[in-house]
Amino acid sequence: MFELVEVTKKYRNHEALKQLRFVIEPGVTAVVGPNGAGKTTLFNILTGRIFPTCGTVFYNGQPVEKIRGNLGYLFEDPPFYPYLTAENQLGYFNALREYPVEAHEVERELEKWDIPPKGKKIKDFSQGMRKRLGLANAFLGNPQIVILDEPFNGLDLEGQQLLEDTFVTYRSKDRFLIFSSHQLERITLLADRIVILDQGRLVYTGETKELAEQATKVIFYLPGDISMDLLRTPLVLEIGKRGVLVTAAVQKEKGPLFLQHLAEHGIVPQSSRLLISELEYVFEEKQVSRRLPY
């Protein structure tokens, strides 16, 4: 397991991480927090790319720098040479590894992620294909530890499904997949555990299902052209906006009544999910929502 002991990271007068103390068990762990919470800084420390100002990170009792040979990492915006092909780029990254894999494994990883054929240069890749190449590099050699910074951002739907399928293989007693995401719906489905950061401080760490059990509300995602009059009912606690959709927060036990209310007016929700905590609601408001007046 990973163990963080009073980990602090300072940049001049700014503390990016503040005395973090927690453990990360094997399996799939999501790191969540608003922009500037310290997620990327934490990942850079876990991968040994930077060192904490004070405090220590251990992996199975040893300093974290010892794990680089068995680690895969995805930057949010992977650095590639634009005039290389995918095969050449991945081969180059492989040559830099402490323990390079055989050439056929490089080819197999490219095939797994359905990377374009030989000859196409990375400068001509779409954002989604660049992200696939970054994932191919992170998972090359089937490492025991994989750390992914916003892996779903910019990834096409087929690529997202491939990645979700890969997550399943890391739900074991001796493997680690640690990722960040702003997509809270996906986190609740994929993560065994969750770490929540805010302004460099640890807010929560524990099993995702424990948070789900604390849920008291359901949020419904509704068509953007829905009449606001239809939502002005005692059943609805809060109305908001999420992209082109309207959101309605309802007490969990009153969810079936609200669905019946919508059905009587011919409205079908796009989707719904539990609000796993009041903290999540605050996080979501900071990131992607704006409240609407009744």
C-alpha atoms as a PDB file:
ATOM      1  CA  MET A   1       0.000   0.000   0.000  1.00  0.00           C
ATOM      2  CA  PHE A   2       0.921   3.675  -0.295  1.00  0.00           C
ATOM      3  CA  GLU A   3       1.309   5.573   2.957  1.00  0.00           C
ATOM      4  CA  LEU A   4       1.564   9.359   3.110  1.00  0.00           C
ATOM      5  CA  VAL A   5       3.009  10.747   6.331  1.00  0.00           C
ATOM      6  CA  GLU A   6       2.586  14.497   6.907  1.00  0.00           C
ATOM      7  CA  VAL A   7       3.216  15.282   3.230  1.00  0.00           C
ATOM      8  CA  THR A   8       3.484  18.996   2.465  1.00  0.00           C
ATOM      9  CA  LYS A   9       4.491  20.645  -0.809  1.00  0.00           C
ATOM     10  CA  LYS A  10       5.307  24.349  -0.969  1.00  0.00           C
ATOM     11  CA  TYR A  11       5.930  26.558  -4.000  1.00  0.00           C
ATOM     12  CA  ARG A  12       7.358  29.826  -2.666  1.00  0.00           C
ATOM     13  CA  ASN A  13       4.499  31.253  -0.603  1.00  0.00           C
ATOM     14  CA  HIS A  14       1.889  28.740  -1.785  1.00  0.00           C
ATOM     15  CA  GLU A  15       1.209  25.411  -0.084  1.00  0.00           C
ATOM     16  CA  ALA A  16      -0.115  23.025  -2.741  1.00  0.00           C
ATOM     17  CA  LEU A  17      -0.406  20.150  -0.239  1.00  0.00           C
ATOM     18  CA  LYS A  18      -0.822  20.543   3.502  1.00  0.00           C
ATOM     19  CA  GLN A  19       0.221  17.789   5.912  1.00  0.00           C
ATOM     20  CA  LEU A  20      -1.491  14.919   4.111  1.00  0.00           C
ATOM     21  CA  ARG A  21      -1.688  11.717   6.115  1.00  0.00           C
ATOM     22  CA  PHE A  22      -3.568   8.731   4.680  1.00  0.00           C
ATOM     23  CA  VAL A  23      -3.065   5.351   3.014  1.00  0.00           C
ATOM     24  CA  ILE A  24      -4.032   4.070  -0.440  1.00  0.00           C
ATOM     25  CA  GLU A  25      -4.967   0.395  -0.529  1.00  0.00           C
ATOM     26  CA  PRO A  26      -4.763  -1.854  -3.621  1.00  0.00           C
ATOM     27  CA  GLY A  27      -7.613  -1.565  -6.118  1.00  0.00           C
ATOM     28  CA  VAL A  28      -9.111   1.454  -7.886  1.00  0.00           C
ATOM     29  CA  THR A  29      -8.842   4.779  -6.050  1.00  0.00           C
ATOM     30  CA  ALA A  30     -10.286   8.086  -7.260  1.00  0.00           C
ATOM     31  CA  VAL A  31      -8.746  11.400  -6.221  1.00  0.00           C
ATOM     32  CA  VAL A  32     -11.375  14.134  -6.319  1.00  0.00           C
ATOM     33  CA  GLY A  33     -11.368  17.862  -5.709  1.00  0.00           C
ATOM     34  CA  PRO A  34     -11.965  21.266  -7.301  1.00  0.00           C
ATOM     35  CA  ASN A  35      -9.385  22.819  -9.604  1.00  0.00           C
ATOM     36  CA  GLY A  36      -6.337  23.750  -7.549  1.00  0.00           C
ATOM     37  CA  ALA A  37      -7.052  21.149  -4.877  1.00  0.00           C
ATOM     38  CA  GLY A  38      -3.597  19.586  -5.291  1.00  0.00           C
ATOM     39  CA  LYS A  39      -4.454  16.452  -7.264  1.00  0.00           C
ATOM     40  CA  THR A  40      -1.736  16.801  -9.917  1.00  0.00           C
ATOM     41  CA  THR A  41       0.850  17.748  -7.291  1.00  0.00           C
ATOM     42  CA  LEU A  42      -0.066  14.617  -5.342  1.00  0.00           C
ATOM     43  CA  PHE A  43       0.305  12.481  -8.470  1.00  0.00           C
ATOM     44  CA  ASN A  44       3.698  14.000  -9.235  1.00  0.00           C
ATOM     45  CA  ILE A  45       4.851  13.063  -5.736  1.00  0.00           C
ATOM     46  CA  LEU A  46       3.420   9.534  -5.931  1.00  0.00           C
ATOM     47  CA  THR A  47       5.268   8.948  -9.201  1.00  0.00           C
ATOM     48  CA  GLY A  48       8.526  10.364  -7.857  1.00  0.00           C
ATOM     49  CA  ARG A  49       8.604  13.208 -10.404  1.00  0.00           C
ATOM     50  CA  ILE A  50       8.845  15.764  -7.596  1.00  0.00           C
ATOM     51  CA  PHE A  51       9.594  15.508  -3.896  1.00  0.00           C
ATOM     52  CA  PRO A  52       7.541  16.810  -0.985  1.00  0.00           C
ATOM     53  CA  THR A  53       8.862  19.821   0.883  1.00  0.00           C
ATOM     54  CA  CYS A  54       8.440  17.805   4.039  1.00  0.00           C
ATOM     55  CA  GLY A  55       6.899  14.481   4.948  1.00  0.00           C
ATOM     56  CA  THR A  56       7.377  11.071   3.363  1.00  0.00           C
ATOM     57  CA  VAL A  57       5.569   8.747   0.956  1.00  0.00           C
ATOM     58  CA  PHE A  58       6.101   5.015   1.335  1.00  0.00           C
ATOM     59  CA  TYR A  59       5.122   2.142  -0.930  1.00  0.00           C
ATOM     60  CA  ASN A  60       5.039  -1.166   0.943  1.00  0.00           C
ATOM     61  CA  GLY A  61       7.378   0.312   3.520  1.00  0.00           C
ATOM     62  CA  GLN A  62       9.946   1.628   1.033  1.00  0.00           C
ATOM     63  CA  PRO A  63      10.446   5.172  -0.303  1.00  0.00           C
ATOM     64  CA  VAL A  64       8.178   5.801  -3.278  1.00  0.00           C
ATOM     65  CA  GLU A  65      11.141   6.496  -5.601  1.00  0.00           C
ATOM     66  CA  LYS A  66      11.808   2.734  -5.660  1.00  0.00           C
ATOM     67  CA  ILE A  67       8.651   1.932  -7.663  1.00  0.00           C
ATOM     68  CA  ARG A  68       9.421   3.717 -10.941  1.00  0.00           C
ATOM     69  CA  GLY A  69      10.245   0.474 -12.725  1.00  0.00           C
ATOM     70  CA  ASN A  70       6.740  -0.888 -12.128  1.00  0.00           C
ATOM     71  CA  LEU A  71       4.720   2.260 -12.668  1.00  0.00           C
ATOM     72  CA  GLY A  72       2.612   3.616 -15.524  1.00  0.00           C
ATOM     73  CA  TYR A  73       1.610   7.282 -15.571  1.00  0.00           C
ATOM     74  CA  LEU A  74      -0.667   9.412 -17.757  1.00  0.00           C
ATOM     75  CA  PHE A  75      -0.262  13.179 -17.848  1.00  0.00           C
ATOM     76  CA  GLU A  76      -3.505  15.106 -18.357  1.00  0.00           C
ATOM     77  CA  ASP A  77      -1.936  16.443 -21.571  1.00  0.00           C
ATOM     78  CA  PRO A  78       0.652  13.804 -22.597  1.00  0.00           C
ATOM     79  CA  PRO A  79       3.887  15.199 -24.108  1.00  0.00           C
ATOM     80  CA  PHE A  80       4.515  13.748 -27.558  1.00  0.00           C
ATOM     81  CA  TYR A  81       6.864  14.491 -30.432  1.00  0.00           C
ATOM     82  CA  PRO A  82       4.451  15.671 -33.157  1.00  0.00           C
ATOM     83  CA  TYR A  83       6.429  14.305 -36.112  1.00  0.00           C
ATOM     84  CA  LEU A  84       6.790  10.768 -34.761  1.00  0.00           C
ATOM     85  CA  THR A  85       4.354   7.964 -35.492  1.00  0.00           C
ATOM     86  CA  ALA A  86       2.545   6.300 -32.599  1.00  0.00           C
ATOM     87  CA  GLU A  87       4.726   3.214 -32.961  1.00  0.00           C
ATOM     88  CA  ASN A  88       7.940   5.253 -32.870  1.00  0.00           C
ATOM     89  CA  GLN A  89       6.757   7.368 -29.949  1.00  0.00           C
ATOM     90  CA  LEU A  90       5.730   4.398 -27.842  1.00  0.00           C
ATOM     91  CA  GLY A  91       8.934   2.607 -28.782  1.00  0.00           C
ATOM     92  CA  TYR A  92      10.915   5.657 -27.673  1.00  0.00           C
ATOM     93  CA  PHE A  93       9.122   5.804 -24.326  1.00  0.00           C
ATOM     94  CA  ASN A  94       9.705   2.073 -23.927  1.00  0.00           C
ATOM     95  CA  ALA A  95      13.442   2.485 -24.506  1.00  0.00           C
ATOM     96  CA  LEU A  96      13.565   5.005 -21.647  1.00  0.00           C
ATOM     97  CA  ARG A  97      11.963   2.584 -19.197  1.00  0.00           C
ATOM     98  CA  GLU A  98      13.964   0.930 -16.456  1.00  0.00           C
ATOM     99  CA  TYR A  99      12.716  -2.426 -17.731  1.00  0.00           C
ATOM    100  CA  PRO A 100      11.779  -2.159 -21.442  1.00  0.00           C
ATOM    101  CA  VAL A 101       9.266  -4.644 -22.815  1.00  0.00           C
ATOM    102  CA  GLU A 102       9.568  -6.634 -26.041  1.00  0.00           C
ATOM    103  CA  ALA A 103       8.624  -4.959 -29.336  1.00  0.00           C
ATOM    104  CA  HIS A 104       5.614  -7.242 -29.788  1.00  0.00           C
ATOM    105  CA  GLU A 105       4.163  -5.910 -26.508  1.00  0.00           C
ATOM    106  CA  VAL A 106       4.393  -2.377 -27.876  1.00  0.00           C
ATOM    107  CA  GLU A 107       2.478  -3.484 -30.975  1.00  0.00           C
ATOM    108  CA  ARG A 108      -0.096  -5.314 -28.861  1.00  0.00           C
ATOM    109  CA  GLU A 109      -0.746  -2.233 -26.712  1.00  0.00           C
ATOM    110  CA  LEU A 110      -1.227  -0.075 -29.811  1.00  0.00           C
ATOM    111  CA  GLU A 111      -3.704  -2.625 -31.162  1.00  0.00           C
ATOM    112  CA  LYS A 112      -5.568  -2.771 -27.852  1.00  0.00           C
ATOM    113  CA  TRP A 113      -6.217   0.970 -27.940  1.00  0.00           C
ATOM    114  CA  ASP A 114      -6.908   0.926 -31.691  1.00  0.00           C
ATOM    115  CA  ILE A 115      -4.173   3.459 -32.490  1.00  0.00           C
ATOM    116  CA  PRO A 116      -3.916   4.484 -36.188  1.00  0.00           C
ATOM    117  CA  PRO A 117      -1.728   2.378 -38.485  1.00  0.00           C
ATOM    118  CA  LYS A 118       1.938   2.973 -39.186  1.00  0.00           C
ATOM    119  CA  GLY A 119       2.853   6.136 -41.037  1.00  0.00           C
ATOM    120  CA  LYS A 120       0.389   8.586 -39.483  1.00  0.00           C
ATOM    121  CA  LYS A 121       2.165  11.257 -37.478  1.00  0.00           C
ATOM    122  CA  ILE A 122       0.986  12.294 -34.033  1.00  0.00           C
ATOM    123  CA  LYS A 123       0.491  15.900 -35.190  1.00  0.00           C
ATOM    124  CA  ASP A 124      -2.439  14.612 -37.250  1.00  0.00           C
ATOM    125  CA  PHE A 125      -4.079  12.793 -34.322  1.00  0.00           C
ATOM    126  CA  SER A 126      -7.331  13.966 -32.770  1.00  0.00           C
ATOM    127  CA  GLN A 127      -7.370  14.843 -29.075  1.00  0.00           C
ATOM    128  CA  GLY A 128      -9.049  11.530 -28.315  1.00  0.00           C
ATOM    129  CA  MET A 129      -6.412   9.560 -30.229  1.00  0.00           C
ATOM    130  CA  ARG A 130      -3.616  11.404 -28.420  1.00  0.00           C
ATOM    131  CA  LYS A 131      -5.233  10.424 -25.140  1.00  0.00           C
ATOM    132  CA  ARG A 132      -5.399   6.795 -26.300  1.00  0.00           C
ATOM    133  CA  LEU A 133      -1.681   6.878 -27.060  1.00  0.00           C
ATOM    134  CA  GLY A 134      -1.016   8.266 -23.594  1.00  0.00           C
ATOM    135  CA  LEU A 135      -3.038   5.423 -22.092  1.00  0.00           C
ATOM    136  CA  ALA A 136      -1.174   2.866 -24.199  1.00  0.00           C
ATOM    137  CA  ASN A 137       2.060   4.195 -22.729  1.00  0.00           C
ATOM    138  CA  ALA A 138       0.683   4.144 -19.177  1.00  0.00           C
ATOM    139  CA  PHE A 139      -0.472   0.520 -19.416  1.00  0.00           C
ATOM    140  CA  LEU A 140       2.500  -0.740 -21.447  1.00  0.00           C
ATOM    141  CA  GLY A 141       4.040  -3.767 -19.781  1.00  0.00           C
ATOM    142  CA  ASN A 142       1.005  -4.331 -17.535  1.00  0.00           C
ATOM    143  CA  PRO A 143       2.478  -2.385 -14.583  1.00  0.00           C
ATOM    144  CA  GLN A 144       1.427  -3.109 -11.031  1.00  0.00           C
ATOM    145  CA  ILE A 145       0.769   0.589 -10.388  1.00  0.00           C
ATOM    146  CA  VAL A 146      -0.971   2.966 -12.814  1.00  0.00           C
ATOM    147  CA  ILE A 147      -1.656   6.636 -12.063  1.00  0.00           C
ATOM    148  CA  LEU A 148      -3.911   8.542 -14.465  1.00  0.00           C
ATOM    149  CA  ASP A 149      -4.476  12.307 -14.373  1.00  0.00           C
ATOM    150  CA  GLU A 150      -7.949  13.060 -15.812  1.00  0.00           C
ATOM    151  CA  PRO A 151      -7.897  10.028 -18.152  1.00  0.00           C
ATOM    152  CA  PHE A 152     -11.458  10.479 -19.445  1.00  0.00           C
ATOM    153  CA  ASN A 153     -11.011  14.117 -20.520  1.00  0.00           C
ATOM    154  CA  GLY A 154     -11.009  14.364 -24.310  1.00  0.00           C
ATOM    155  CA  LEU A 155     -11.434  10.610 -24.749  1.00  0.00           C
ATOM    156  CA  ASP A 156     -14.021   9.432 -27.296  1.00  0.00           C
ATOM    157  CA  LEU A 157     -16.860   7.143 -26.213  1.00  0.00           C
ATOM    158  CA  GLU A 158     -15.248   3.963 -27.521  1.00  0.00           C
ATOM    159  CA  GLY A 159     -12.008   4.874 -25.780  1.00  0.00           C
ATOM    160  CA  GLN A 160     -13.888   5.542 -22.546  1.00  0.00           C
ATOM    161  CA  GLN A 161     -15.391   2.057 -22.689  1.00  0.00           C
ATOM    162  CA  LEU A 162     -11.967   0.507 -23.320  1.00  0.00           C
ATOM    163  CA  LEU A 163     -10.608   2.367 -20.317  1.00  0.00           C
ATOM    164  CA  GLU A 164     -13.498   1.341 -18.071  1.00  0.00           C
ATOM    165  CA  ASP A 165     -12.936  -2.295 -19.059  1.00  0.00           C
ATOM    166  CA  THR A 166      -9.251  -1.936 -18.183  1.00  0.00           C
ATOM    167  CA  PHE A 167     -10.114  -0.548 -14.745  1.00  0.00           C
ATOM    168  CA  VAL A 168     -11.729  -3.868 -13.847  1.00  0.00           C
ATOM    169  CA  THR A 169      -8.399  -5.687 -14.171  1.00  0.00           C
ATOM    170  CA  TYR A 170      -6.952  -3.515 -11.394  1.00  0.00           C
ATOM    171  CA  ARG A 171      -9.513  -4.528  -8.809  1.00  0.00           C
ATOM    172  CA  SER A 172      -7.234  -7.033  -7.113  1.00  0.00           C
ATOM    173  CA  LYS A 173      -5.291  -7.389  -3.900  1.00  0.00           C
ATOM    174  CA  ASP A 174      -1.895  -6.530  -5.365  1.00  0.00           C
ATOM    175  CA  ARG A 175      -2.534  -3.859  -8.030  1.00  0.00           C
ATOM    176  CA  PHE A 176      -3.154  -0.123  -7.877  1.00  0.00           C
ATOM    177  CA  LEU A 177      -5.002   2.169 -10.259  1.00  0.00           C
ATOM    178  CA  ILE A 178      -5.194   5.751  -9.019  1.00  0.00           C
ATOM    179  CA  PHE A 179      -7.012   8.337 -11.132  1.00  0.00           C
ATOM    180  CA  SER A 180      -8.496  11.813 -10.958  1.00  0.00           C
ATOM    181  CA  SER A 181     -11.723  12.923 -12.563  1.00  0.00           C
ATOM    182  CA  HIS A 182     -14.355  15.636 -12.384  1.00  0.00           C
ATOM    183  CA  GLN A 183     -16.991  13.150 -13.596  1.00  0.00           C
ATOM    184  CA  LEU A 184     -18.509  12.169 -10.273  1.00  0.00           C
ATOM    185  CA  GLU A 185     -21.007   9.776 -11.823  1.00  0.00           C
ATOM    186  CA  ARG A 186     -18.151   7.737 -13.265  1.00  0.00           C
ATOM    187  CA  ILE A 187     -16.213   7.819  -9.997  1.00  0.00           C
ATOM    188  CA  THR A 188     -19.071   6.251  -8.060  1.00  0.00           C
ATOM    189  CA  LEU A 189     -19.232   3.431 -10.618  1.00  0.00           C
ATOM    190  CA  LEU A 190     -15.515   2.704 -11.035  1.00  0.00           C
ATOM    191  CA  ALA A 191     -13.725   3.527  -7.791  1.00  0.00           C
ATOM    192  CA  ASP A 192     -13.418   1.213  -4.803  1.00  0.00           C
ATOM    193  CA  ARG A 193     -12.159   4.086  -2.679  1.00  0.00           C
ATOM    194  CA  ILE A 194     -12.121   7.838  -2.877  1.00  0.00           C
ATOM    195  CA  VAL A 195      -9.756  10.564  -1.665  1.00  0.00           C
ATOM    196  CA  ILE A 196     -11.196  14.085  -1.563  1.00  0.00           C
ATOM    197  CA  LEU A 197      -8.866  17.093  -1.489  1.00  0.00           C
ATOM    198  CA  ASP A 198      -9.710  20.765  -1.180  1.00  0.00           C
ATOM    199  CA  GLN A 199      -7.086  23.536  -1.209  1.00  0.00           C
ATOM    200  CA  GLY A 200      -4.349  21.020  -0.528  1.00  0.00           C
ATOM    201  CA  ARG A 201      -6.004  19.473   2.518  1.00  0.00           C
ATOM    202  CA  LEU A 202      -7.477  16.019   2.959  1.00  0.00           C
ATOM    203  CA  VAL A 203     -11.252  16.248   3.335  1.00  0.00           C
ATOM    204  CA  TYR A 204     -12.234  12.575   3.156  1.00  0.00           C
ATOM    205  CA  THR A 205     -10.749   9.174   2.483  1.00  0.00           C
ATOM    206  CA  GLY A 206     -12.639   5.898   2.548  1.00  0.00           C
ATOM    207  CA  GLU A 207     -14.687   3.450   0.520  1.00  0.00           C
ATOM    208  CA  THR A 208     -16.943   4.919  -2.136  1.00  0.00           C
ATOM    209  CA  LYS A 209     -19.845   2.738  -1.010  1.00  0.00           C
ATOM    210  CA  GLU A 210     -19.658   4.294   2.458  1.00  0.00           C
ATOM    211  CA  LEU A 211     -20.333   7.701   0.939  1.00  0.00           C
ATOM    212  CA  ALA A 212     -23.145   6.274  -1.178  1.00  0.00           C
ATOM    213  CA  GLU A 213     -24.796   4.892   1.954  1.00  0.00           C
ATOM    214  CA  GLN A 214     -24.830   8.411   3.406  1.00  0.00           C
ATOM    215  CA  ALA A 215     -26.709   9.798   0.413  1.00  0.00           C
ATOM    216  CA  THR A 216     -29.880  11.681   1.255  1.00  0.00           C
ATOM    217  CA  LYS A 217     -30.666  13.184  -2.152  1.00  0.00           C
ATOM    218  CA  VAL A 218     -31.099  12.197  -5.781  1.00  0.00           C
ATOM    219  CA  ILE A 219     -30.290  14.547  -8.640  1.00  0.00           C
ATOM    220  CA  PHE A 220     -32.323  14.198 -11.844  1.00  0.00           C
ATOM    221  CA  TYR A 221     -31.007  15.415 -15.214  1.00  0.00           C
ATOM    222  CA  LEU A 222     -33.922  16.780 -17.257  1.00  0.00           C
ATOM    223  CA  PRO A 223     -34.398  18.193 -20.778  1.00  0.00           C
ATOM    224  CA  GLY A 224     -33.271  21.801 -21.036  1.00  0.00           C
ATOM    225  CA  ASP A 225     -36.628  22.973 -22.383  1.00  0.00           C
ATOM    226  CA  ILE A 226     -38.609  21.661 -19.403  1.00  0.00           C
ATOM    227  CA  SER A 227     -41.076  24.145 -17.919  1.00  0.00           C
ATOM    228  CA  MET A 228     -39.824  25.657 -14.668  1.00  0.00           C
ATOM    229  CA  ASP A 229     -43.428  25.694 -13.451  1.00  0.00           C
ATOM    230  CA  LEU A 230     -43.335  21.889 -13.539  1.00  0.00           C
ATOM    231  CA  LEU A 231     -40.422  21.903 -11.108  1.00  0.00           C
ATOM    232  CA  ARG A 232     -41.949  24.373  -8.673  1.00  0.00           C
ATOM    233  CA  THR A 233     -43.203  21.634  -6.400  1.00  0.00           C
ATOM    234  CA  PRO A 234     -42.458  20.839  -2.737  1.00  0.00           C
ATOM    235  CA  LEU A 235     -40.758  17.660  -3.977  1.00  0.00           C
ATOM    236  CA  VAL A 236     -37.891  19.650  -5.526  1.00  0.00           C
ATOM    237  CA  LEU A 237     -35.267  21.019  -3.150  1.00  0.00           C
ATOM    238  CA  GLU A 238     -33.033  22.740  -5.687  1.00  0.00           C
ATOM    239  CA  ILE A 239     -33.054  23.520  -9.406  1.00  0.00           C
ATOM    240  CA  GLY A 240     -29.812  23.961 -11.324  1.00  0.00           C
ATOM    241  CA  LYS A 241     -28.234  23.996 -14.762  1.00  0.00           C
ATOM    242  CA  ARG A 242     -25.746  21.416 -16.064  1.00  0.00           C
ATOM    243  CA  GLY A 243     -24.713  22.216 -19.623  1.00  0.00           C
ATOM    244  CA  VAL A 244     -27.870  22.033 -21.744  1.00  0.00           C
ATOM    245  CA  LEU A 245     -29.717  20.053 -19.058  1.00  0.00           C
ATOM    246  CA  VAL A 246     -31.730  21.196 -16.059  1.00  0.00           C
ATOM    247  CA  THR A 247     -31.068  19.473 -12.734  1.00  0.00           C
ATOM    248  CA  ALA A 248     -33.496  18.886  -9.902  1.00  0.00           C
ATOM    249  CA  ALA A 249     -32.434  17.709  -6.443  1.00  0.00           C
ATOM    250  CA  VAL A 250     -34.982  15.614  -4.544  1.00  0.00           C
ATOM    251  CA  GLN A 251     -34.927  13.810  -1.201  1.00  0.00           C
ATOM    252  CA  LYS A 252     -33.959  10.191  -1.863  1.00  0.00           C
ATOM    253  CA  GLU A 253     -37.136   8.726  -0.376  1.00  0.00           C
ATOM    254  CA  LYS A 254     -39.267  11.039  -2.526  1.00  0.00           C
ATOM    255  CA  GLY A 255     -37.558  10.081  -5.782  1.00  0.00           C
ATOM    256  CA  PRO A 256     -40.350   7.677  -6.872  1.00  0.00           C
ATOM    257  CA  LEU A 257     -42.992  10.375  -6.272  1.00  0.00           C
ATOM    258  CA  PHE A 258     -41.018  12.845  -8.375  1.00  0.00           C
ATOM    259  CA  LEU A 259     -40.688  10.306 -11.192  1.00  0.00           C
ATOM    260  CA  GLN A 260     -44.446   9.792 -11.070  1.00  0.00           C
ATOM    261  CA  HIS A 261     -44.948  13.572 -11.176  1.00  0.00           C
ATOM    262  CA  LEU A 262     -42.741  13.799 -14.286  1.00  0.00           C
ATOM    263  CA  ALA A 263     -44.455  10.840 -15.964  1.00  0.00           C
ATOM    264  CA  GLU A 264     -47.865  12.472 -15.512  1.00  0.00           C
ATOM    265  CA  HIS A 265     -46.556  15.353 -17.639  1.00  0.00           C
ATOM    266  CA  GLY A 266     -44.829  13.168 -20.221  1.00  0.00           C
ATOM    267  CA  ILE A 267     -41.284  13.956 -19.023  1.00  0.00           C
ATOM    268  CA  VAL A 268     -38.551  11.308 -18.950  1.00  0.00           C
ATOM    269  CA  PRO A 269     -35.279  12.190 -17.138  1.00  0.00           C
ATOM    270  CA  GLN A 270     -32.078  11.874 -19.142  1.00  0.00           C
ATOM    271  CA  SER A 271     -30.473  10.232 -16.095  1.00  0.00           C
ATOM    272  CA  SER A 272     -30.341  10.377 -12.319  1.00  0.00           C
ATOM    273  CA  ARG A 273     -27.901   9.564  -9.555  1.00  0.00           C
ATOM    274  CA  LEU A 274     -27.394   9.777  -5.824  1.00  0.00           C
ATOM    275  CA  LEU A 275     -25.743  12.831  -4.362  1.00  0.00           C
ATOM    276  CA  ILE A 276     -23.286  10.940  -2.237  1.00  0.00           C
ATOM    277  CA  SER A 277     -22.697  13.753   0.243  1.00  0.00           C
ATOM    278  CA  GLU A 278     -23.241  17.425   0.874  1.00  0.00           C
ATOM    279  CA  LEU A 279     -19.542  17.875   0.108  1.00  0.00           C
ATOM    280  CA  GLU A 280     -20.093  16.509  -3.385  1.00  0.00           C
ATOM    281  CA  TYR A 281     -22.864  19.032  -3.907  1.00  0.00           C
ATOM    282  CA  VAL A 282     -20.525  21.879  -2.977  1.00  0.00           C
ATOM    283  CA  PHE A 283     -17.818  20.436  -5.250  1.00  0.00           C
ATOM    284  CA  GLU A 284     -20.241  20.164  -8.156  1.00  0.00           C
ATOM    285  CA  GLU A 285     -21.430  23.735  -7.662  1.00  0.00           C
ATOM    286  CA  LYS A 286     -17.849  25.014  -7.835  1.00  0.00           C
ATOM    287  CA  GLN A 287     -17.092  23.126 -11.020  1.00  0.00           C
ATOM    288  CA  VAL A 288     -19.952  22.784 -13.413  1.00  0.00           C
ATOM    289  CA  SER A 289     -23.286  24.001 -12.119  1.00  0.00           C
ATOM    290  CA  ARG A 290     -25.039  27.252 -11.483  1.00  0.00           C
ATOM    291  CA  ARG A 291     -28.160  27.474  -9.404  1.00  0.00           C
ATOM    292  CA  LEU A 292     -31.338  28.795 -10.935  1.00  0.00           C
ATOM    293  CA  PRO A 293     -33.952  30.827  -9.054  1.00  0.00           C
ATOM    294  CA  TYR A 294     -37.381  29.341  -8.613  1.00  0.00           C
END
